[in-house]
Amino acid sequence: MDVRYINPFLSAAVNVLKTMAMTEAKPGKPYIKKDGTATGDITGIIGITGDKEGSLSITFTEPCILHILANMLGEKYDGITEEVKDAVGELTNMICGNARQMLQKDGLNLSASIPTIVTGKGHTIKHLCSGPKLAIPFSTEAGEFTVEVCLSD
């Protein structure tokens, strides 16, 4: 997988969380994800079509997403509610849109579907391509999240 197509998703995750939620996210070491088991408690996944096809997913641990939303919305949540699910969908959409804008500057035109939200410990993520799934773990002061990107021609 070409790093030119992955870096915009990573930059977008850092930028969106920093500007929208005043949350610093530090990327860890990327790895190829071999299974579909989520690394957290709630995932936003969005399909991508155009010059490349595939999907983007962002999985948050519960403490991480609750902290992000408290910063972003000024409201404290005690667990994963419908509002939290909606916010994860919106964050997924913003991160994907931000990355697509960066990629478009390099001549890669992509469109995205509406995000789907999956919750629960050990839930499964099914990416929309058969190629390798690159996972990048991030840490914040309140917990972890993982960005997964799978793109094919």
N, C-alpha and C. Protein backbone atom coordinates (compact mmCIF):
# COMPACT_ATOMS: atom_id res chain seq x y z
N MET A 1 0.84 -1.17 0.00
CA MET A 1 0.00 0.00 0.00
C MET A 1 0.89 1.24 0.00
N ASP A 2 0.58 2.18 -0.87
CA ASP A 2 1.40 3.37 -1.04
C ASP A 2 1.17 4.36 0.10
N VAL A 3 2.23 4.77 0.75
CA VAL A 3 2.16 5.67 1.89
C VAL A 3 1.55 7.02 1.50
N ARG A 4 1.67 7.39 0.22
CA ARG A 4 1.07 8.66 -0.25
C ARG A 4 -0.44 8.66 -0.07
N TYR A 5 -1.04 7.48 -0.08
CA TYR A 5 -2.49 7.37 0.07
C TYR A 5 -2.91 7.19 1.52
N ILE A 6 -1.97 6.83 2.38
CA ILE A 6 -2.28 6.57 3.79
C ILE A 6 -2.06 7.82 4.64
N ASN A 7 -0.95 8.53 4.41
CA ASN A 7 -0.62 9.68 5.24
C ASN A 7 -1.73 10.72 5.35
N PRO A 8 -2.48 11.02 4.28
CA PRO A 8 -3.57 11.99 4.44
C PRO A 8 -4.63 11.57 5.46
N PHE A 9 -4.89 10.27 5.58
CA PHE A 9 -5.86 9.81 6.57
C PHE A 9 -5.33 10.00 7.98
N LEU A 10 -4.02 9.77 8.16
CA LEU A 10 -3.41 9.96 9.47
C LEU A 10 -3.37 11.44 9.84
N SER A 11 -2.96 12.27 8.90
CA SER A 11 -2.94 13.72 9.14
C SER A 11 -4.33 14.24 9.44
N ALA A 12 -5.32 13.73 8.72
CA ALA A 12 -6.70 14.17 8.92
C ALA A 12 -7.18 13.81 10.33
N ALA A 13 -6.86 12.61 10.79
CA ALA A 13 -7.27 12.20 12.14
C ALA A 13 -6.67 13.14 13.19
N VAL A 14 -5.38 13.42 13.06
CA VAL A 14 -4.71 14.31 14.01
C VAL A 14 -5.30 15.71 13.94
N ASN A 15 -5.49 16.23 12.72
CA ASN A 15 -5.99 17.60 12.54
C ASN A 15 -7.42 17.77 13.04
N VAL A 16 -8.30 16.84 12.70
CA VAL A 16 -9.70 16.95 13.10
C VAL A 16 -9.82 16.90 14.62
N LEU A 17 -9.13 15.97 15.26
CA LEU A 17 -9.23 15.87 16.71
C LEU A 17 -8.62 17.08 17.41
N LYS A 18 -7.56 17.61 16.83
CA LYS A 18 -6.92 18.78 17.43
C LYS A 18 -7.82 20.01 17.31
N THR A 19 -8.39 20.23 16.14
CA THR A 19 -9.18 21.44 15.92
C THR A 19 -10.60 21.33 16.47
N MET A 20 -11.21 20.18 16.36
CA MET A 20 -12.61 20.04 16.78
C MET A 20 -12.75 19.66 18.25
N ALA A 21 -11.76 18.94 18.81
CA ALA A 21 -11.90 18.41 20.17
C ALA A 21 -10.74 18.77 21.08
N MET A 22 -9.85 19.66 20.63
CA MET A 22 -8.70 20.05 21.44
C MET A 22 -8.01 18.83 22.04
N THR A 23 -7.85 17.79 21.24
CA THR A 23 -7.25 16.53 21.69
C THR A 23 -6.02 16.23 20.85
N GLU A 24 -4.89 16.06 21.51
CA GLU A 24 -3.66 15.68 20.83
C GLU A 24 -3.64 14.16 20.64
N ALA A 25 -3.41 13.73 19.42
CA ALA A 25 -3.34 12.30 19.11
C ALA A 25 -1.94 11.99 18.60
N LYS A 26 -1.31 11.00 19.23
CA LYS A 26 0.04 10.59 18.84
C LYS A 26 -0.02 9.24 18.14
N PRO A 27 0.45 9.20 16.87
CA PRO A 27 0.41 7.92 16.15
C PRO A 27 1.45 6.94 16.67
N GLY A 28 1.09 5.67 16.66
CA GLY A 28 2.01 4.59 17.01
C GLY A 28 2.55 3.94 15.75
N LYS A 29 3.06 2.75 15.89
CA LYS A 29 3.66 2.03 14.77
C LYS A 29 2.58 1.35 13.92
N PRO A 30 2.53 1.67 12.61
CA PRO A 30 1.54 1.03 11.73
C PRO A 30 1.82 -0.46 11.59
N TYR A 31 0.75 -1.22 11.34
CA TYR A 31 0.89 -2.65 11.12
C TYR A 31 -0.20 -3.13 10.17
N ILE A 32 0.05 -4.27 9.54
CA ILE A 32 -0.96 -4.88 8.67
C ILE A 32 -1.92 -5.67 9.55
N LYS A 33 -3.19 -5.34 9.45
CA LYS A 33 -4.21 -6.01 10.26
C LYS A 33 -4.61 -7.31 9.58
N LYS A 34 -4.52 -8.38 10.31
CA LYS A 34 -4.76 -9.71 9.73
C LYS A 34 -6.18 -10.21 9.97
N ASP A 35 -6.88 -9.64 10.97
CA ASP A 35 -8.24 -10.11 11.25
C ASP A 35 -9.20 -8.93 11.27
N GLY A 36 -10.45 -9.19 11.56
CA GLY A 36 -11.46 -8.14 11.56
C GLY A 36 -11.87 -7.69 12.94
N THR A 37 -11.22 -8.18 13.98
CA THR A 37 -11.61 -7.82 15.34
C THR A 37 -11.20 -6.39 15.65
N ALA A 38 -12.16 -5.61 16.16
CA ALA A 38 -11.91 -4.21 16.50
C ALA A 38 -11.03 -4.10 17.73
N THR A 39 -10.25 -3.04 17.78
CA THR A 39 -9.35 -2.80 18.91
C THR A 39 -10.00 -1.96 20.00
N GLY A 40 -11.24 -1.53 19.78
CA GLY A 40 -11.92 -0.67 20.75
C GLY A 40 -13.37 -1.04 20.90
N ASP A 41 -14.16 -0.06 21.35
CA ASP A 41 -15.55 -0.29 21.71
C ASP A 41 -16.57 0.26 20.71
N ILE A 42 -16.15 1.20 19.87
CA ILE A 42 -17.06 1.79 18.89
C ILE A 42 -16.27 2.15 17.64
N THR A 43 -16.83 1.81 16.48
CA THR A 43 -16.15 2.02 15.20
C THR A 43 -17.06 2.75 14.23
N GLY A 44 -16.47 3.73 13.55
CA GLY A 44 -17.11 4.34 12.39
C GLY A 44 -16.39 3.80 11.17
N ILE A 45 -17.16 3.30 10.20
CA ILE A 45 -16.56 2.78 8.96
C ILE A 45 -17.26 3.44 7.78
N ILE A 46 -16.46 3.81 6.78
CA ILE A 46 -16.99 4.52 5.64
C ILE A 46 -16.40 3.95 4.35
N GLY A 47 -17.26 3.69 3.38
CA GLY A 47 -16.82 3.17 2.09
C GLY A 47 -16.27 4.28 1.22
N ILE A 48 -15.27 3.94 0.41
CA ILE A 48 -14.60 4.89 -0.47
C ILE A 48 -14.63 4.34 -1.90
N THR A 49 -14.99 5.19 -2.85
CA THR A 49 -14.98 4.82 -4.26
C THR A 49 -14.32 5.92 -5.07
N GLY A 50 -14.02 5.63 -6.32
CA GLY A 50 -13.39 6.61 -7.21
C GLY A 50 -12.15 6.02 -7.83
N ASP A 51 -11.06 6.80 -7.84
CA ASP A 51 -9.80 6.34 -8.42
C ASP A 51 -9.23 5.14 -7.64
N LYS A 52 -9.59 5.02 -6.39
CA LYS A 52 -9.27 3.87 -5.54
C LYS A 52 -10.59 3.44 -4.89
N GLU A 53 -10.65 2.19 -4.46
CA GLU A 53 -11.84 1.72 -3.76
C GLU A 53 -11.42 1.04 -2.47
N GLY A 54 -12.27 1.15 -1.46
CA GLY A 54 -11.98 0.52 -0.19
C GLY A 54 -12.77 1.13 0.93
N SER A 55 -12.12 1.25 2.08
CA SER A 55 -12.81 1.80 3.24
C SER A 55 -11.83 2.34 4.27
N LEU A 56 -12.38 3.16 5.14
CA LEU A 56 -11.67 3.73 6.27
C LEU A 56 -12.48 3.39 7.51
N SER A 57 -11.80 2.96 8.56
CA SER A 57 -12.50 2.78 9.84
C SER A 57 -11.70 3.46 10.93
N ILE A 58 -12.44 3.93 11.93
CA ILE A 58 -11.83 4.54 13.10
C ILE A 58 -12.50 3.91 14.32
N THR A 59 -11.70 3.23 15.13
CA THR A 59 -12.20 2.54 16.31
C THR A 59 -11.68 3.22 17.56
N PHE A 60 -12.58 3.60 18.45
CA PHE A 60 -12.23 4.28 19.70
C PHE A 60 -12.50 3.38 20.89
N THR A 61 -11.63 3.45 21.90
CA THR A 61 -12.00 2.86 23.19
C THR A 61 -13.05 3.80 23.80
N GLU A 62 -13.85 3.26 24.68
CA GLU A 62 -14.91 4.08 25.28
C GLU A 62 -14.36 5.30 26.02
N PRO A 63 -13.33 5.15 26.88
CA PRO A 63 -12.81 6.35 27.56
C PRO A 63 -12.30 7.41 26.59
N CYS A 64 -11.70 6.99 25.49
CA CYS A 64 -11.16 7.92 24.50
C CYS A 64 -12.28 8.72 23.85
N ILE A 65 -13.31 8.05 23.34
CA ILE A 65 -14.37 8.78 22.64
C ILE A 65 -15.15 9.66 23.60
N LEU A 66 -15.35 9.23 24.83
CA LEU A 66 -16.09 10.05 25.79
C LEU A 66 -15.32 11.32 26.12
N HIS A 67 -14.00 11.21 26.21
CA HIS A 67 -13.15 12.39 26.45
C HIS A 67 -13.20 13.34 25.24
N ILE A 68 -13.07 12.78 24.05
CA ILE A 68 -13.10 13.60 22.83
C ILE A 68 -14.42 14.36 22.75
N LEU A 69 -15.53 13.68 23.01
CA LEU A 69 -16.84 14.33 22.91
C LEU A 69 -17.05 15.36 24.00
N ALA A 70 -16.53 15.11 25.19
CA ALA A 70 -16.62 16.11 26.26
C ALA A 70 -15.91 17.39 25.83
N ASN A 71 -14.74 17.24 25.22
CA ASN A 71 -14.00 18.41 24.72
C ASN A 71 -14.72 19.06 23.55
N MET A 72 -15.25 18.25 22.68
CA MET A 72 -15.85 18.75 21.44
C MET A 72 -17.21 19.41 21.68
N LEU A 73 -18.03 18.78 22.51
CA LEU A 73 -19.41 19.24 22.67
C LEU A 73 -19.68 19.91 24.01
N GLY A 74 -18.71 19.83 24.92
CA GLY A 74 -18.91 20.43 26.22
C GLY A 74 -19.91 19.67 27.09
N GLU A 75 -20.15 18.41 26.75
CA GLU A 75 -21.09 17.57 27.49
C GLU A 75 -20.41 16.30 27.93
N LYS A 76 -20.75 15.85 29.12
CA LYS A 76 -20.17 14.61 29.64
C LYS A 76 -21.13 13.46 29.35
N TYR A 77 -20.60 12.39 28.80
CA TYR A 77 -21.39 11.19 28.53
C TYR A 77 -20.90 10.07 29.43
N ASP A 78 -21.83 9.26 29.93
CA ASP A 78 -21.48 8.16 30.84
C ASP A 78 -21.27 6.84 30.12
N GLY A 79 -21.56 6.79 28.85
CA GLY A 79 -21.42 5.55 28.10
C GLY A 79 -21.73 5.81 26.64
N ILE A 80 -21.77 4.74 25.87
CA ILE A 80 -22.02 4.87 24.44
C ILE A 80 -23.53 4.95 24.22
N THR A 81 -23.97 6.15 23.91
CA THR A 81 -25.38 6.45 23.67
C THR A 81 -25.60 6.68 22.17
N GLU A 82 -26.83 6.93 21.79
CA GLU A 82 -27.13 7.25 20.39
C GLU A 82 -26.41 8.53 19.97
N GLU A 83 -26.30 9.50 20.88
CA GLU A 83 -25.58 10.75 20.56
C GLU A 83 -24.10 10.48 20.31
N VAL A 84 -23.53 9.58 21.11
CA VAL A 84 -22.12 9.22 20.93
C VAL A 84 -21.94 8.52 19.58
N LYS A 85 -22.85 7.63 19.23
CA LYS A 85 -22.78 6.95 17.93
C LYS A 85 -22.85 7.96 16.80
N ASP A 86 -23.79 8.92 16.90
CA ASP A 86 -23.90 9.95 15.86
C ASP A 86 -22.61 10.76 15.74
N ALA A 87 -22.01 11.09 16.88
CA ALA A 87 -20.78 11.87 16.87
C ALA A 87 -19.62 11.09 16.25
N VAL A 88 -19.54 9.79 16.50
CA VAL A 88 -18.50 8.97 15.88
C VAL A 88 -18.69 8.95 14.37
N GLY A 89 -19.93 8.87 13.93
CA GLY A 89 -20.21 8.93 12.49
C GLY A 89 -19.76 10.25 11.90
N GLU A 90 -20.03 11.34 12.60
CA GLU A 90 -19.63 12.66 12.11
C GLU A 90 -18.12 12.82 12.11
N LEU A 91 -17.44 12.34 13.15
CA LEU A 91 -15.97 12.39 13.17
C LEU A 91 -15.38 11.58 12.02
N THR A 92 -15.93 10.40 11.79
CA THR A 92 -15.47 9.55 10.69
C THR A 92 -15.63 10.28 9.36
N ASN A 93 -16.78 10.92 9.20
CA ASN A 93 -17.07 11.66 7.98
C ASN A 93 -16.10 12.84 7.81
N MET A 94 -15.84 13.57 8.88
CA MET A 94 -14.93 14.72 8.81
C MET A 94 -13.51 14.28 8.48
N ILE A 95 -13.05 13.22 9.13
CA ILE A 95 -11.67 12.74 8.89
C ILE A 95 -11.54 12.24 7.45
N CYS A 96 -12.53 11.49 6.98
CA CYS A 96 -12.48 11.00 5.60
C CYS A 96 -12.53 12.16 4.61
N GLY A 97 -13.39 13.13 4.87
CA GLY A 97 -13.50 14.29 3.97
C GLY A 97 -12.23 15.10 3.93
N ASN A 98 -11.61 15.30 5.07
CA ASN A 98 -10.36 16.03 5.15
C ASN A 98 -9.27 15.31 4.36
N ALA A 99 -9.18 13.99 4.53
CA ALA A 99 -8.18 13.19 3.80
C ALA A 99 -8.45 13.22 2.29
N ARG A 100 -9.71 13.13 1.91
CA ARG A 100 -10.05 13.15 0.47
C ARG A 100 -9.66 14.49 -0.16
N GLN A 101 -9.81 15.58 0.58
CA GLN A 101 -9.39 16.89 0.06
C GLN A 101 -7.88 16.92 -0.18
N MET A 102 -7.11 16.37 0.76
CA MET A 102 -5.66 16.31 0.59
C MET A 102 -5.28 15.46 -0.62
N LEU A 103 -5.95 14.32 -0.77
CA LEU A 103 -5.64 13.43 -1.89
C LEU A 103 -6.04 14.04 -3.22
N GLN A 104 -7.11 14.82 -3.22
CA GLN A 104 -7.55 15.46 -4.46
C GLN A 104 -6.49 16.44 -4.97
N LYS A 105 -5.78 17.09 -4.05
CA LYS A 105 -4.70 18.01 -4.45
C LYS A 105 -3.59 17.26 -5.19
N ASP A 106 -3.46 15.96 -4.91
CA ASP A 106 -2.47 15.13 -5.59
C ASP A 106 -3.06 14.40 -6.79
N GLY A 107 -4.29 14.78 -7.18
CA GLY A 107 -4.89 14.21 -8.37
C GLY A 107 -5.68 12.92 -8.16
N LEU A 108 -5.93 12.53 -6.93
CA LEU A 108 -6.68 11.32 -6.65
C LEU A 108 -8.09 11.71 -6.24
N ASN A 109 -9.08 11.35 -7.05
CA ASN A 109 -10.46 11.71 -6.78
C ASN A 109 -11.20 10.55 -6.12
N LEU A 110 -11.74 10.81 -4.94
CA LEU A 110 -12.45 9.80 -4.17
C LEU A 110 -13.78 10.34 -3.70
N SER A 111 -14.75 9.46 -3.56
CA SER A 111 -16.05 9.78 -2.96
C SER A 111 -16.23 8.85 -1.78
N ALA A 112 -17.12 9.24 -0.88
CA ALA A 112 -17.34 8.43 0.32
C ALA A 112 -18.84 8.21 0.53
N SER A 113 -19.14 7.09 1.17
CA SER A 113 -20.52 6.77 1.51
C SER A 113 -20.87 7.39 2.86
N ILE A 114 -22.02 7.07 3.36
CA ILE A 114 -22.44 7.49 4.69
C ILE A 114 -21.80 6.52 5.69
N PRO A 115 -21.25 7.02 6.80
CA PRO A 115 -20.61 6.13 7.77
C PRO A 115 -21.60 5.17 8.43
N THR A 116 -21.11 4.00 8.75
CA THR A 116 -21.84 3.01 9.54
C THR A 116 -21.14 2.91 10.88
N ILE A 117 -21.91 2.74 11.95
CA ILE A 117 -21.35 2.65 13.29
C ILE A 117 -21.59 1.25 13.84
N VAL A 118 -20.54 0.66 14.41
CA VAL A 118 -20.62 -0.66 15.02
C VAL A 118 -20.08 -0.52 16.45
N THR A 119 -20.77 -1.14 17.41
CA THR A 119 -20.35 -1.03 18.81
C THR A 119 -20.25 -2.40 19.47
N GLY A 120 -19.62 -2.41 20.63
CA GLY A 120 -19.51 -3.62 21.44
C GLY A 120 -18.08 -4.10 21.53
N LYS A 121 -17.75 -4.69 22.65
CA LYS A 121 -16.40 -5.23 22.84
C LYS A 121 -16.17 -6.38 21.86
N GLY A 122 -15.04 -6.36 21.17
CA GLY A 122 -14.69 -7.43 20.24
C GLY A 122 -15.53 -7.48 18.98
N HIS A 123 -16.19 -6.35 18.62
CA HIS A 123 -16.98 -6.37 17.39
C HIS A 123 -16.07 -6.53 16.18
N THR A 124 -16.68 -6.85 15.06
CA THR A 124 -15.93 -7.14 13.83
C THR A 124 -16.06 -5.97 12.85
N ILE A 125 -14.96 -5.68 12.18
CA ILE A 125 -14.92 -4.66 11.13
C ILE A 125 -14.72 -5.38 9.81
N LYS A 126 -15.62 -5.13 8.87
CA LYS A 126 -15.49 -5.73 7.54
C LYS A 126 -15.19 -4.61 6.54
N HIS A 127 -13.94 -4.59 6.07
CA HIS A 127 -13.55 -3.57 5.10
C HIS A 127 -14.06 -3.94 3.71
N LEU A 128 -14.20 -2.90 2.88
CA LEU A 128 -14.82 -3.06 1.57
C LEU A 128 -13.82 -3.28 0.45
N CYS A 129 -12.70 -3.91 0.75
CA CYS A 129 -11.76 -4.29 -0.29
C CYS A 129 -11.00 -5.52 0.17
N SER A 130 -10.38 -6.18 -0.78
CA SER A 130 -9.68 -7.42 -0.45
C SER A 130 -8.19 -7.21 -0.21
N GLY A 131 -7.71 -6.00 -0.39
CA GLY A 131 -6.29 -5.72 -0.22
C GLY A 131 -5.88 -5.69 1.24
N PRO A 132 -4.62 -5.35 1.50
CA PRO A 132 -4.13 -5.28 2.88
C PRO A 132 -4.81 -4.15 3.65
N LYS A 133 -5.02 -4.39 4.91
CA LYS A 133 -5.63 -3.40 5.80
C LYS A 133 -4.53 -2.86 6.70
N LEU A 134 -4.19 -1.60 6.51
CA LEU A 134 -3.16 -0.97 7.32
C LEU A 134 -3.81 -0.34 8.54
N ALA A 135 -3.32 -0.69 9.72
CA ALA A 135 -3.85 -0.15 10.98
C ALA A 135 -2.80 0.73 11.63
N ILE A 136 -3.26 1.88 12.12
CA ILE A 136 -2.36 2.79 12.81
C ILE A 136 -2.98 3.11 14.16
N PRO A 137 -2.34 2.66 15.23
CA PRO A 137 -2.86 2.98 16.57
C PRO A 137 -2.47 4.41 16.95
N PHE A 138 -3.35 5.08 17.66
CA PHE A 138 -3.09 6.41 18.18
C PHE A 138 -3.34 6.40 19.68
N SER A 139 -2.61 7.24 20.40
CA SER A 139 -2.87 7.40 21.82
C SER A 139 -3.22 8.86 22.10
N THR A 140 -4.10 9.04 23.07
CA THR A 140 -4.47 10.36 23.55
C THR A 140 -4.34 10.33 25.07
N GLU A 141 -4.52 11.45 25.71
CA GLU A 141 -4.43 11.48 27.17
C GLU A 141 -5.52 10.65 27.83
N ALA A 142 -6.59 10.32 27.09
CA ALA A 142 -7.71 9.60 27.69
C ALA A 142 -7.89 8.19 27.14
N GLY A 143 -7.02 7.75 26.25
CA GLY A 143 -7.18 6.40 25.72
C GLY A 143 -6.71 6.31 24.29
N GLU A 144 -7.06 5.20 23.66
CA GLU A 144 -6.55 4.90 22.33
C GLU A 144 -7.67 4.85 21.29
N PHE A 145 -7.23 5.05 20.05
CA PHE A 145 -8.08 4.77 18.91
C PHE A 145 -7.20 4.25 17.79
N THR A 146 -7.82 3.59 16.83
CA THR A 146 -7.08 3.01 15.71
C THR A 146 -7.75 3.41 14.39
N VAL A 147 -6.93 3.86 13.46
CA VAL A 147 -7.39 4.15 12.11
C VAL A 147 -6.96 2.98 11.23
N GLU A 148 -7.89 2.44 10.46
CA GLU A 148 -7.58 1.40 9.50
C GLU A 148 -7.97 1.89 8.11
N VAL A 149 -7.07 1.66 7.15
CA VAL A 149 -7.31 2.05 5.77
C VAL A 149 -7.08 0.84 4.89
N CYS A 150 -8.01 0.61 3.98
CA CYS A 150 -7.88 -0.46 3.00
C CYS A 150 -8.29 0.12 1.65
N LEU A 151 -7.33 0.24 0.72
CA LEU A 151 -7.60 0.80 -0.60
C LEU A 151 -7.02 -0.11 -1.68
N SER A 152 -7.77 -0.26 -2.75
CA SER A 152 -7.26 -1.01 -3.90
C SER A 152 -7.66 -0.29 -5.17
N ASP A 153 -7.02 -0.64 -6.29
CA ASP A 153 -7.30 0.02 -7.57
C ASP A 153 -8.62 -0.42 -8.14
